[in-house]
C-alpha cells in the first residue's frame, strides 16, 4: 500500500514501532458507500426515515442524526422521550448526546420536561463552551434557547407500567424488550424477540450514526435510561466516548444496553480504535463485547450490551452480547432491519 503524507502522520502518531500496514484503512483505495445511516433496534426503521429526508437531499450527517432520533423521541416508547418509563420516584429523566465530524460534541443528562433532549444537546455543542449540562442547569439552558417546558405527567403506558412496578419495586434486567410503541406494529420479521418475558425494568436507547454525501460522519444517542432506575442515575448515552464516539478519519459508533458496563470500557471509543487498527466494524464491535464478557464473567448472563459501527467507507457492522438485538440500515432508498450477530 502506498503511504501518503497523511497516512504517514497517522501511523507515526500511534507511537508503535514496527506497526503493520496490513488491514490499515485507506479510503483512497476503497469505494465509499454514501450516504448511509444506521440506527439501533426496530425503532431505527422509523428513525432512519427521518434521517433519510435530510441525507437524500444532500444534507449533512449532523442534521440527519438529529432529525432521525427526534422521530423516536416523539413516539410513546418505554425507553425514549417524555412518554418513557420513569425513575423509581415516578419522574421521567432524559439523556442525550450528539457529535459531528470535527470532534464537536454536546450532551445533556438528567433532563426533565423537555421534549427533544437531542436538540438541547446540539445547542450545548453549538452555543456553549461546554460538552455536558445536567439536571436543573440543563433545563434552564434549554428554556433560554426557546425550548418549552412540558407537563411532568406520565404517559398512559408509562403510568400503567410504573404502578405495576410499584407492587414489587424490584430491579431485574430485561434483555431485548419489545417496545410497546408505533414501531411494535412492524412486521414480525422486523421485531426483536423478547428474551425475558416478565422482568421488572429495562434499558434501551435509540442511537444513530450516518455518513453523508460529503463524506462526513456524525452520531447521536438519546434515551430515558433504565426504567425505574435510582433517581439521578445516568448511563452511557450522554457520555462521549462511551455511548457515542465519532472520528471522521475512521468511523462512528453508538452503544445500547447496560450503560454501566459500556462506561467501564469506554465502549464506543474502544470500537473506533479497533477500526483504526484495521478491524471491520463487526470485528471491532465483537472485540469490545468480548472484553465486557470477560470483565462481567457469570454476570454477563444477565445483561445485554450491543454496538453498531459505521466506518469512513460506509461499511457497517454490529455485535451483541446476547441474541435478540437488531439494527436498521438505510442507503439507496432501501431501509432494512438486520439481526446482529451475538456471543451467547
Protein backbone atom coordinates (compact mmCIF):
# COMPACT_ATOMS: atom_id res chain seq x y z
CA UNK A 1 0.00 0.00 0.00
CA UNK A 2 1.34 3.44 -0.89
CA UNK A 3 1.85 5.71 2.12
CA UNK A 4 0.82 9.30 1.53
CA UNK A 5 1.74 12.10 3.90
CA UNK A 6 -1.50 11.91 5.90
CA UNK A 7 -1.24 8.16 6.43
CA UNK A 8 2.42 8.54 7.46
CA UNK A 9 1.45 11.13 10.06
CA UNK A 10 -1.39 8.95 11.33
CA UNK A 11 0.92 5.96 11.67
CA UNK A 12 3.59 7.99 13.40
CA UNK A 13 1.08 9.34 15.92
CA UNK A 14 0.37 5.81 17.11
CA UNK A 15 3.86 5.60 18.53
CA UNK A 16 4.14 1.87 17.87
CA UNK A 17 7.38 0.54 16.48
CA UNK A 18 7.01 -1.85 13.59
CA UNK A 19 3.27 -1.17 13.16
CA UNK A 20 1.89 -3.42 10.42
CA UNK A 21 0.23 -1.81 7.45
CA UNK A 22 -1.90 -4.90 6.75
CA UNK A 23 -5.56 -4.02 7.00
CA UNK A 24 -4.90 -0.32 7.60
CA UNK A 25 -7.85 1.75 6.38
CA UNK A 26 -7.04 3.60 3.17
CA UNK A 27 -10.10 5.47 1.98
CA UNK A 28 -8.33 6.33 -1.28
CA UNK A 29 -8.47 2.70 -2.44
CA UNK A 30 -11.96 1.67 -1.32
CA UNK A 31 -15.22 2.72 -2.93
CA UNK A 32 -17.20 4.69 -0.39
CA UNK A 33 -20.89 3.91 0.13
CA UNK A 34 -22.69 7.16 0.89
CA UNK A 35 -24.98 8.46 2.08
CA UNK A 36 -25.90 5.82 4.63
CA UNK A 37 -27.50 5.81 8.08
CA UNK A 38 -27.80 3.05 10.68
CA UNK A 39 -29.74 3.04 13.94
CA UNK A 40 -30.36 0.72 16.88
CA UNK A 41 -33.36 -1.57 17.34
CA UNK A 42 -36.59 -1.77 15.36
CA UNK A 43 -37.24 1.87 16.28
CA UNK A 44 -34.42 2.58 13.86
CA UNK A 45 -36.68 1.87 10.89
CA UNK A 46 -38.78 4.97 11.54
CA UNK A 47 -35.81 6.98 12.79
CA UNK A 48 -33.90 6.25 9.59
CA UNK A 49 -36.79 7.65 7.56
CA UNK A 50 -36.40 10.96 9.33
CA UNK A 51 -32.65 10.95 8.78
CA UNK A 52 -33.00 9.97 5.13
CA UNK A 53 -35.16 13.01 4.41
CA UNK A 54 -32.02 15.01 5.16
CA UNK A 55 -29.38 12.75 3.61
CA UNK A 56 -31.24 12.09 0.36
CA UNK A 57 -31.33 15.83 -0.33
CA UNK A 58 -27.60 16.26 0.17
CA UNK A 59 -27.91 17.38 3.78
CA UNK A 60 -25.31 16.88 6.48
CA UNK A 61 -24.90 13.82 8.65
CA UNK A 62 -25.19 16.08 11.70
CA UNK A 63 -28.64 17.32 10.69
CA UNK A 64 -29.65 13.78 9.77
CA UNK A 65 -28.75 12.16 13.09
CA UNK A 66 -30.58 14.89 15.00
CA UNK A 67 -33.75 14.72 12.89
CA UNK A 68 -33.68 10.93 12.84
CA UNK A 69 -33.74 10.31 16.58
CA UNK A 70 -36.24 13.12 17.10
CA UNK A 71 -38.72 10.78 15.41
CA UNK A 72 -38.24 8.28 18.23
CA UNK A 73 -38.35 10.99 20.90
CA UNK A 74 -41.81 11.88 19.55
CA UNK A 75 -43.11 8.32 19.93
CA UNK A 76 -44.67 6.86 23.05
CA UNK A 77 -41.91 4.39 23.88
CA UNK A 78 -40.87 2.71 27.12
CA UNK A 79 -37.29 3.81 26.63
CA UNK A 80 -37.03 7.13 24.79
CA UNK A 81 -38.64 10.55 25.20
CA UNK A 82 -41.15 12.02 27.62
CA UNK A 83 -43.52 9.09 27.13
CA UNK A 84 -40.95 6.66 28.55
CA UNK A 85 -40.90 4.78 31.82
CA UNK A 86 -39.94 6.91 34.85
CA UNK A 87 -37.33 6.51 37.56
CA UNK A 88 -38.24 4.85 40.86
CA UNK A 89 -39.68 8.15 42.13
CA UNK A 90 -42.04 8.47 39.18
CA UNK A 91 -40.15 11.11 37.14
CA UNK A 92 -39.02 10.78 33.53
CA UNK A 93 -35.41 11.91 33.11
CA UNK A 94 -33.71 12.05 29.74
CA UNK A 95 -30.12 11.79 28.48
CA UNK A 96 -28.77 12.55 25.01
CA UNK A 97 -25.57 13.26 23.11
CA UNK A 98 -24.53 14.32 19.63
CA UNK A 99 -21.14 14.52 17.87
CA UNK A 100 -20.06 15.80 14.47
CA UNK A 101 -17.16 15.17 12.08
CA UNK A 102 -14.89 17.78 13.67
CA UNK A 103 -14.97 16.38 17.23
CA UNK A 104 -17.56 18.95 18.28
CA UNK A 105 -19.93 17.34 20.77
CA UNK A 106 -22.65 18.14 23.26
CA UNK A 107 -24.77 16.25 25.74
CA UNK A 108 -27.42 16.57 28.42
CA UNK A 109 -28.22 14.28 31.33
CA UNK A 110 -30.93 14.08 33.98
CA UNK A 111 -33.03 16.48 31.90
CA UNK A 112 -36.73 16.73 32.78
CA UNK A 113 -39.83 18.07 30.98
CA UNK A 114 -38.08 18.91 27.69
CA UNK A 115 -39.40 17.05 24.64
CA UNK A 116 -36.26 16.80 22.49
CA UNK A 117 -33.10 16.30 24.57
CA UNK A 118 -31.10 15.58 21.40
CA UNK A 119 -31.74 19.12 20.18
CA UNK A 120 -30.75 20.55 23.56
CA UNK A 121 -27.53 18.53 23.34
CA UNK A 122 -26.83 20.10 19.94
CA UNK A 123 -27.40 23.56 21.40
CA UNK A 124 -24.91 22.75 24.16
CA UNK A 125 -22.42 21.83 21.43
CA UNK A 126 -23.02 24.92 19.32
CA UNK A 127 -23.88 27.64 21.83
CA UNK A 128 -21.69 26.95 24.88
CA UNK A 129 -18.04 26.25 25.63
CA UNK A 130 -19.10 23.07 27.44
CA UNK A 131 -19.76 19.47 26.43
CA UNK A 132 -22.31 18.39 29.06
CA UNK A 133 -25.07 20.06 31.07
CA UNK A 134 -27.15 18.17 33.62
CA UNK A 135 -30.30 18.41 35.67
CA UNK A 136 -31.79 21.78 36.51
CA UNK A 137 -28.96 23.58 34.74
CA UNK A 138 -29.64 21.70 31.52
CA UNK A 139 -33.33 22.52 31.80
CA UNK A 140 -32.65 26.22 32.41
CA UNK A 141 -30.35 26.30 29.39
CA UNK A 142 -33.00 24.61 27.25
CA UNK A 143 -35.59 27.21 28.22
CA UNK A 144 -33.12 30.01 27.43
CA UNK A 145 -32.78 28.52 23.94
CA UNK A 146 -36.51 28.57 23.28
CA UNK A 147 -37.49 25.04 24.29
CA UNK A 148 -40.86 24.64 26.01
CA UNK A 149 -41.39 23.18 29.46
CA UNK A 150 -43.71 20.19 29.06
CA UNK A 151 -46.03 18.53 31.54
CA UNK A 152 -44.43 16.19 34.03
CA UNK A 153 -47.35 13.79 33.81
CA UNK A 154 -46.57 10.21 32.81
CA UNK A 155 -47.92 8.83 29.57
CA UNK A 156 -50.74 6.34 29.90
CA UNK A 157 -48.39 3.48 29.03
CA UNK A 158 -45.69 4.60 31.47
CA UNK A 159 -48.17 5.23 34.27
CA UNK A 160 -49.54 1.71 33.93
CA UNK A 161 -46.05 0.22 33.91
CA UNK A 162 -44.99 2.28 36.93
CA UNK A 163 -48.00 1.25 39.00
CA UNK A 164 -47.27 -2.37 38.15
CA UNK A 165 -43.61 -1.95 39.10
CA UNK A 166 -44.55 -0.41 42.47
CA UNK A 167 -46.20 -3.68 43.53
CA UNK A 168 -42.76 -5.29 43.90
CA UNK A 169 -40.29 -2.42 43.43
CA UNK A 170 -37.50 -4.80 42.45
CA UNK A 171 -34.68 -4.36 39.95
CA UNK A 172 -34.13 -7.12 37.45
CA UNK A 173 -32.75 -6.51 33.97
CA UNK A 174 -34.77 -7.44 30.93
CA UNK A 175 -32.80 -8.23 27.80
CA UNK A 176 -34.17 -7.06 24.45
CA UNK A 177 -37.54 -5.65 25.48
CA UNK A 178 -40.02 -5.47 22.64
CA UNK A 179 -41.21 -1.86 22.82
CA UNK A 180 -44.88 -1.02 23.05
CA UNK A 181 -44.70 1.83 20.57
CA UNK A 182 -45.65 2.53 16.96
CA UNK A 183 -42.61 0.54 15.89
CA UNK A 184 -44.09 -2.52 17.63
CA UNK A 185 -46.56 -2.68 14.77
CA UNK A 186 -43.81 -3.66 12.36
CA UNK A 187 -43.96 -6.94 10.54
CA UNK A 188 -42.83 -9.93 12.59
CA UNK A 189 -39.58 -10.15 10.63
CA UNK A 190 -38.67 -6.70 11.96
CA UNK A 191 -39.27 -7.46 15.64
CA UNK A 192 -36.55 -8.23 18.14
CA UNK A 193 -37.52 -11.27 20.25
CA UNK A 194 -38.14 -10.73 23.96
CA UNK A 195 -35.61 -12.80 25.87
CA UNK A 196 -37.20 -12.32 29.31
CA UNK A 197 -40.96 -12.05 29.40
CA UNK A 198 -41.66 -10.87 32.97
CA UNK A 199 -38.77 -8.68 34.10
CA UNK A 200 -39.18 -5.52 36.09
CA UNK A 201 -37.03 -2.94 34.34
CA UNK A 202 -35.30 -2.41 31.06
CA UNK A 203 -32.61 -0.41 29.34
CA UNK A 204 -32.72 0.77 25.79
CA UNK A 205 -31.65 3.59 23.54
CA UNK A 206 -32.05 4.95 20.07
CA UNK A 207 -28.55 5.50 18.72
CA UNK A 208 -27.76 6.58 15.17
CA UNK A 209 -24.65 7.15 13.02
CA UNK A 210 -24.57 8.47 9.48
CA UNK A 211 -22.21 9.20 6.59
CA UNK A 212 -23.34 11.98 4.28
CA UNK A 213 -22.70 12.64 0.60
CA UNK A 214 -19.86 14.98 1.58
CA UNK A 215 -18.01 12.09 3.24
CA UNK A 216 -18.56 13.27 6.79
CA UNK A 217 -19.72 11.23 9.79
CA UNK A 218 -21.89 12.20 12.75
CA UNK A 219 -23.72 10.37 15.52
CA UNK A 220 -26.48 10.81 18.08
CA UNK A 221 -27.86 8.97 21.08
CA UNK A 222 -31.00 9.59 23.16
CA UNK A 223 -32.66 7.66 25.97
CA UNK A 224 -34.67 7.77 29.17
CA UNK A 225 -32.24 5.25 30.61
CA UNK A 226 -33.15 2.26 32.70
CA UNK A 227 -36.82 2.21 33.61
CA UNK A 228 -37.43 2.55 37.39
CA UNK A 229 -33.76 3.42 37.95
CA UNK A 230 -32.50 5.15 41.08
CA UNK A 231 -33.21 8.86 40.82
CA UNK A 232 -30.16 10.60 39.41
CA UNK A 233 -28.80 7.57 37.58
CA UNK A 234 -27.08 8.36 34.28
CA UNK A 235 -25.95 5.69 31.82
CA UNK A 236 -23.58 5.73 28.88
CA UNK A 237 -25.75 7.52 26.32
CA UNK A 238 -24.76 11.12 27.15
CA UNK A 239 -21.10 10.25 27.75
CA UNK A 240 -18.88 10.97 24.76
CA UNK A 241 -16.57 8.01 24.25
CA UNK A 242 -18.88 5.57 25.99
CA UNK A 243 -22.33 5.65 24.39
CA UNK A 244 -21.22 7.62 21.31
CA UNK A 245 -17.99 8.45 19.53
CA UNK A 246 -17.11 9.83 16.10
CA UNK A 247 -13.70 10.10 14.45
CA UNK A 248 -14.15 11.34 10.90
CA UNK A 249 -10.93 9.67 9.70
CA UNK A 250 -12.04 6.26 10.97
CA UNK A 251 -15.70 5.76 11.85
CA UNK A 252 -18.64 6.34 14.18
CA UNK A 253 -20.12 4.11 16.89
CA UNK A 254 -23.07 4.06 19.27
CA UNK A 255 -23.92 1.64 22.05
CA UNK A 256 -27.10 0.34 23.62
CA UNK A 257 -27.85 -1.93 26.54
CA UNK A 258 -26.43 -1.92 30.07
CA UNK A 259 -24.88 1.53 30.21
CA UNK A 260 -22.79 0.93 33.29
CA UNK A 261 -20.84 -1.78 31.50
CA UNK A 262 -20.37 0.30 28.37
CA UNK A 263 -18.91 3.07 30.54
CA UNK A 264 -16.46 0.64 32.18
CA UNK A 265 -14.66 0.07 28.87
CA UNK A 266 -15.24 3.45 27.17
CA UNK A 267 -17.15 1.31 24.69
CA UNK A 268 -17.79 3.49 21.64
CA UNK A 269 -14.28 4.94 21.51
CA UNK A 270 -12.80 1.46 22.04
CA UNK A 271 -14.68 0.20 18.97
CA UNK A 272 -13.40 3.15 16.94
CA UNK A 273 -9.83 2.39 17.97
CA UNK A 274 -10.15 -1.22 16.82
CA UNK A 275 -11.39 0.07 13.45
CA UNK A 276 -8.43 2.41 13.31
CA UNK A 277 -6.18 -0.65 13.57
CA UNK A 278 -7.85 -2.18 10.53
CA UNK A 279 -10.67 -4.24 12.02
CA UNK A 280 -14.00 -4.32 10.22
CA UNK A 281 -16.91 -2.64 12.02
CA UNK A 282 -18.32 -6.02 13.09
CA UNK A 283 -14.95 -7.29 14.29
CA UNK A 284 -14.35 -4.10 16.25
CA UNK A 285 -17.75 -4.36 17.94
CA UNK A 286 -17.14 -8.02 18.76
CA UNK A 287 -13.80 -7.37 20.44
CA UNK A 288 -15.29 -4.84 22.84
CA UNK A 289 -18.32 -7.02 23.62
CA UNK A 290 -15.99 -9.92 24.38
CA UNK A 291 -13.98 -7.69 26.71
CA UNK A 292 -17.15 -6.83 28.62
CA UNK A 293 -17.99 -10.51 28.85
CA UNK A 294 -14.57 -11.25 30.34
CA UNK A 295 -14.99 -8.48 32.88
CA UNK A 296 -18.53 -9.48 33.91
CA UNK A 297 -17.85 -13.25 33.96
CA UNK A 298 -21.01 -15.13 35.01
CA UNK A 299 -22.89 -11.84 35.45
CA UNK A 300 -22.75 -11.41 31.68
CA UNK A 301 -25.69 -13.82 31.51
CA UNK A 302 -27.96 -11.12 32.96
CA UNK A 303 -27.09 -8.11 30.82
CA UNK A 304 -27.22 -7.03 27.22
CA UNK A 305 -24.64 -4.83 25.51
CA UNK A 306 -24.67 -4.01 21.79
CA UNK A 307 -22.73 -1.77 19.42
CA UNK A 308 -23.33 -0.56 15.89
CA UNK A 309 -20.45 0.87 13.88
CA UNK A 310 -20.04 2.68 10.56
CA UNK A 311 -16.62 3.25 9.06
CA UNK A 312 -15.38 6.02 6.79
CA UNK A 313 -16.10 3.92 3.70
CA UNK A 314 -19.75 3.35 4.58
CA UNK A 315 -19.17 -0.25 5.70
CA UNK A 316 -21.21 -1.10 8.77
CA UNK A 317 -21.40 -3.82 11.37
CA UNK A 318 -22.74 -4.76 14.76
CA UNK A 319 -22.28 -7.23 17.57
CA UNK A 320 -24.26 -8.03 20.72
CA UNK A 321 -23.60 -9.95 23.89
CA UNK A 322 -26.91 -11.86 23.61
CA UNK A 323 -29.21 -12.70 20.75
CA UNK A 324 -32.25 -10.53 20.03
CA UNK A 325 -30.61 -7.22 19.09
CA UNK A 326 -31.28 -5.77 15.68
CA UNK A 327 -30.46 -2.55 13.86
CA UNK A 328 -31.80 -0.65 10.87
CA UNK A 329 -29.80 0.37 7.80
CA UNK A 330 -30.86 2.79 5.09
CA UNK A 331 -28.98 3.53 1.88
CA UNK A 332 -30.05 3.90 -1.75
CA UNK A 333 -33.69 4.24 -0.66
CA UNK A 334 -33.67 0.79 0.98
CA UNK A 335 -34.48 0.68 4.71
CA UNK A 336 -34.00 -2.74 6.27
CA UNK A 337 -33.66 -4.33 9.69
CA UNK A 338 -30.76 -6.71 10.36
CA UNK A 339 -30.37 -9.18 13.21
CA UNK A 340 -26.98 -8.62 14.81
CA UNK A 341 -24.53 -11.48 15.42
CA UNK A 342 -24.07 -12.27 19.09
CA UNK A 343 -21.88 -14.07 21.57
CA UNK A 344 -24.44 -16.06 23.56
